[in-house]
Amino acid sequence: MIVTVIAGGPDIDPHVAFDVAQGSDLVICADSGADIALKAGLKIDKVVGDLDSISSDASDYLKAHDIPVEVFPVQKDMTDTELVLRSLSHDDEIRLICSMAGRPDHMLTNILLAVKLKSEGYDITMTDGVSDVIPLSGPDRIRLEGLSSESHLNISLIPVDFTSDIEGVTSEGLFYELNDATLHAGSSLSISNSLKEGCDSFGIEIRSGRMAVIITPL
């Protein structure tokens, strides 16, 4: 099942939310993610959270259309976004739409959460409509094809495993190639890579560790 999860936060373009959600079986919103979904014209299947940031208009819409709402207390041990994600199945393909602007604590937590869930066997990617984040948990690999060779993409490999190194990092199709490299959390070695000239695809493979591949158009 393909599930689009829409979290709250600034700078989420409703048009992007609409495009990402296409082909989804379910659209679940975390709190004020419902406002984004409504602006995008999406059918909401469920809303989860403490409802401390949802607009009154969105709240009224949910009640008027009998959309299921699972309410949690404000004082809790998880963010609204994690509550949604933890309720999903390992068999689901999760598309997380969340802000990478605004509060840095939420942004960093969402990236780390996505990588942690990947290490637990979840199939998850995340985007704010500008940057895409693909979590990797070794042994793991990705390959993206059909990219325009004219595209100017910033491709960064961010180690997020603070207890051990990222081992066996090999890339193909990138300007700065890695071959069985070791990366360390906190190092800027693998920041700001790009496609090799003439390439319309790239691949990343890791043997062990956890990493976030972040792709941003320049």
Protein backbone atom coordinates (compact mmCIF):
# COMPACT_ATOMS: atom_id res chain seq x y z
CA MET A 1 0.00 0.00 0.00
CA ILE A 2 1.28 3.48 -0.85
CA VAL A 3 0.71 5.94 1.99
CA THR A 4 1.38 9.67 1.76
CA VAL A 5 1.98 11.27 5.15
CA ILE A 6 1.72 15.06 5.26
CA ALA A 7 3.27 16.80 8.24
CA GLY A 8 2.83 20.43 9.21
CA GLY A 9 5.40 23.16 8.85
CA PRO A 10 6.24 26.14 6.64
CA ASP A 11 7.10 26.28 2.95
CA ILE A 12 5.20 23.22 1.75
CA ASP A 13 3.74 23.96 -1.66
CA PRO A 14 0.24 22.43 -1.95
CA HIS A 15 0.94 21.71 -5.63
CA VAL A 16 3.91 19.58 -4.56
CA ALA A 17 1.79 17.76 -2.00
CA PHE A 18 -0.76 17.03 -4.71
CA ASP A 19 1.88 15.67 -7.10
CA VAL A 20 3.60 13.50 -4.47
CA ALA A 21 0.29 12.05 -3.30
CA GLN A 22 -0.76 10.90 -6.76
CA GLY A 23 -1.24 7.13 -6.87
CA SER A 24 -1.42 6.85 -3.08
CA ASP A 25 -3.87 4.49 -1.44
CA LEU A 26 -4.08 6.61 1.72
CA VAL A 27 -3.38 10.22 2.70
CA ILE A 28 -2.79 10.65 6.43
CA CYS A 29 -2.07 14.05 7.95
CA ALA A 30 -0.15 14.89 11.09
CA ASP A 31 -1.96 17.79 12.75
CA SER A 32 -1.68 20.92 10.53
CA GLY A 33 -0.64 18.76 7.60
CA ALA A 34 -4.42 18.71 7.10
CA ASP A 35 -4.29 22.38 6.11
CA ILE A 36 -1.74 21.60 3.40
CA ALA A 37 -3.78 18.64 2.16
CA LEU A 38 -6.95 20.72 1.92
CA LYS A 39 -5.17 23.49 0.01
CA ALA A 40 -3.88 20.80 -2.34
CA GLY A 41 -7.39 19.49 -2.92
CA LEU A 42 -6.50 16.04 -1.59
CA LYS A 43 -8.91 13.56 -0.04
CA ILE A 44 -7.84 13.08 3.57
CA ASP A 45 -8.30 9.60 4.99
CA LYS A 46 -7.22 10.33 8.56
CA VAL A 47 -5.69 13.01 10.79
CA VAL A 48 -3.47 12.19 13.77
CA GLY A 49 -2.02 14.46 16.45
CA ASP A 50 -2.63 16.77 19.35
CA LEU A 51 -4.33 19.33 17.05
CA ASP A 52 -2.44 22.24 18.57
CA SER A 53 -1.56 23.80 15.22
CA ILE A 54 -4.38 22.86 12.85
CA SER A 55 -6.49 25.80 11.65
CA SER A 56 -10.08 26.23 12.77
CA ASP A 57 -11.20 26.05 9.12
CA ALA A 58 -9.49 22.69 8.65
CA SER A 59 -10.88 21.43 11.94
CA ASP A 60 -14.39 22.43 10.91
CA TYR A 61 -13.92 20.70 7.53
CA LEU A 62 -12.86 17.46 9.21
CA LYS A 63 -15.97 17.49 11.40
CA ALA A 64 -18.30 18.40 8.54
CA HIS A 65 -16.99 15.58 6.36
CA ASP A 66 -16.69 12.94 9.11
CA ILE A 67 -12.98 12.46 8.52
CA PRO A 68 -11.46 10.23 11.23
CA VAL A 69 -9.31 12.13 13.71
CA GLU A 70 -7.11 10.38 16.28
CA VAL A 71 -6.41 12.90 19.03
CA PHE A 72 -3.41 12.67 21.38
CA PRO A 73 -2.48 14.85 24.35
CA VAL A 74 -0.06 17.72 23.79
CA GLN A 75 2.24 16.24 26.44
CA LYS A 76 3.41 13.01 24.83
CA ASP A 77 6.58 11.10 24.00
CA MET A 78 6.40 11.37 20.18
CA THR A 79 5.83 14.10 17.63
CA ASP A 80 2.62 13.94 15.64
CA THR A 81 4.64 12.87 12.61
CA GLU A 82 6.22 9.92 14.41
CA LEU A 83 2.81 8.86 15.74
CA VAL A 84 1.57 8.57 12.16
CA LEU A 85 4.67 6.80 10.86
CA ARG A 86 4.75 4.31 13.72
CA SER A 87 1.15 3.35 12.99
CA LEU A 88 2.02 2.18 9.48
CA SER A 89 3.09 -1.24 8.27
CA HIS A 90 6.53 -2.36 7.12
CA ASP A 91 4.76 -3.43 3.92
CA ASP A 92 3.68 0.15 3.14
CA GLU A 93 5.53 2.46 0.79
CA ILE A 94 5.67 5.69 2.80
CA ARG A 95 5.98 9.10 1.14
CA LEU A 96 6.62 11.65 3.86
CA ILE A 97 5.98 15.29 2.96
CA CYS A 98 7.45 17.55 5.63
CA SER A 99 9.08 20.94 5.97
CA MET A 100 12.85 21.36 5.90
CA ALA A 101 12.51 24.98 6.93
CA GLY A 102 11.30 26.55 10.13
CA ARG A 103 12.28 24.76 13.33
CA PRO A 104 15.64 22.98 12.96
CA ASP A 105 14.80 20.53 15.74
CA HIS A 106 11.81 19.21 13.80
CA MET A 107 13.74 19.11 10.52
CA LEU A 108 16.67 17.20 12.01
CA THR A 109 14.39 14.86 13.94
CA ASN A 110 12.38 13.99 10.82
CA ILE A 111 15.53 13.12 8.84
CA LEU A 112 16.94 11.00 11.68
CA LEU A 113 13.53 9.37 12.17
CA ALA A 114 13.28 8.47 8.48
CA VAL A 115 16.73 6.85 8.59
CA LYS A 116 15.91 4.99 11.81
CA LEU A 117 12.66 3.67 10.34
CA LYS A 118 14.59 2.56 7.25
CA SER A 119 16.94 0.60 9.52
CA GLU A 120 13.87 -1.06 11.05
CA GLY A 121 12.67 -2.25 7.66
CA TYR A 122 10.29 0.53 6.64
CA ASP A 123 10.16 1.70 3.02
CA ILE A 124 10.27 5.49 3.39
CA THR A 125 11.36 8.59 1.51
CA MET A 126 10.76 12.24 2.36
CA THR A 127 10.50 15.55 0.55
CA ASP A 128 9.55 19.17 1.08
CA GLY A 129 9.04 19.66 -2.64
CA VAL A 130 12.52 21.08 -3.08
CA SER A 131 14.88 18.60 -1.47
CA ASP A 132 14.38 14.84 -1.53
CA VAL A 133 15.77 12.65 1.26
CA ILE A 134 16.44 8.96 0.67
CA PRO A 135 17.45 7.04 3.82
CA LEU A 136 19.93 4.17 3.56
CA SER A 137 20.69 1.52 6.16
CA GLY A 138 23.44 -0.93 5.30
CA PRO A 139 23.70 -3.17 3.55
CA ASP A 140 21.68 -1.04 1.17
CA ARG A 141 21.73 0.56 -2.26
CA ILE A 142 19.79 2.95 -4.43
CA ARG A 143 19.87 3.85 -8.09
CA LEU A 144 18.07 6.81 -9.62
CA GLU A 145 17.68 6.89 -13.39
CA GLY A 146 16.17 9.15 -16.01
CA LEU A 147 17.60 12.34 -14.55
CA SER A 148 18.23 15.16 -16.99
CA SER A 149 21.94 15.44 -17.75
CA GLU A 150 21.33 19.19 -17.86
CA SER A 151 20.04 19.20 -14.29
CA HIS A 152 22.15 20.96 -11.70
CA LEU A 153 21.66 18.78 -8.65
CA ASN A 154 23.38 19.03 -5.31
CA ILE A 155 23.78 15.47 -4.01
CA SER A 156 25.01 15.07 -0.45
CA LEU A 157 25.65 11.87 1.47
CA ILE A 158 25.08 12.57 5.17
CA PRO A 159 26.24 9.90 7.65
CA VAL A 160 23.84 9.85 10.58
CA ASP A 161 25.29 6.87 12.48
CA PHE A 162 27.09 8.43 15.45
CA THR A 163 28.15 5.11 17.00
CA SER A 164 30.03 3.62 14.04
CA ASP A 165 31.44 4.59 10.65
CA ILE A 166 29.62 4.17 7.35
CA GLU A 167 31.58 1.41 5.64
CA GLY A 168 31.82 0.33 2.02
CA VAL A 169 30.43 3.49 0.44
CA THR A 170 30.60 3.22 -3.34
CA SER A 171 29.09 5.65 -5.83
CA GLU A 172 28.62 5.56 -9.59
CA GLY A 173 27.64 8.43 -11.87
CA LEU A 174 28.78 11.21 -9.52
CA PHE A 175 31.47 13.82 -10.17
CA TYR A 176 33.36 12.82 -7.02
CA GLU A 177 33.43 9.03 -7.03
CA LEU A 178 33.68 6.92 -3.88
CA ASN A 179 35.01 3.38 -3.98
CA ASP A 180 34.60 1.29 -0.82
CA ALA A 181 35.05 4.47 1.21
CA THR A 182 34.53 5.00 4.92
CA LEU A 183 32.52 8.04 6.00
CA HIS A 184 32.22 9.51 9.48
CA ALA A 185 29.32 11.39 11.03
CA GLY A 186 30.22 15.05 11.32
CA SER A 187 32.59 15.02 8.33
CA SER A 188 31.86 17.27 5.33
CA LEU A 189 33.74 15.02 2.88
CA SER A 190 30.60 13.81 1.09
CA ILE A 191 28.73 17.13 0.92
CA SER A 192 27.80 18.91 -2.34
CA ASN A 193 28.47 16.28 -4.99
CA SER A 194 26.85 16.37 -8.42
CA LEU A 195 26.15 14.24 -11.47
CA LYS A 196 29.14 13.36 -13.60
CA GLU A 197 29.06 15.26 -16.89
CA GLY A 198 26.81 13.49 -19.39
CA CYS A 199 25.27 11.16 -16.79
CA ASP A 200 21.52 10.91 -16.30
CA SER A 201 21.64 8.45 -13.39
CA PHE A 202 23.60 7.65 -10.28
CA GLY A 203 23.87 4.88 -7.72
CA ILE A 204 24.95 4.67 -4.09
CA GLU A 205 25.81 1.50 -2.18
CA ILE A 206 26.80 1.07 1.46
CA ARG A 207 27.89 -2.04 3.30
CA SER A 208 27.05 -0.92 6.84
CA GLY A 209 25.86 2.13 8.75
CA ARG A 210 23.11 4.68 8.28
CA MET A 211 23.02 7.54 5.82
CA ALA A 212 20.69 10.14 4.33
CA VAL A 213 21.11 10.94 0.65
CA ILE A 214 19.83 14.50 0.15
CA ILE A 215 19.16 15.76 -3.38
CA THR A 216 18.50 19.46 -3.98
CA PRO A 217 18.27 21.34 -7.30
CA LEU A 218 20.68 24.26 -7.49
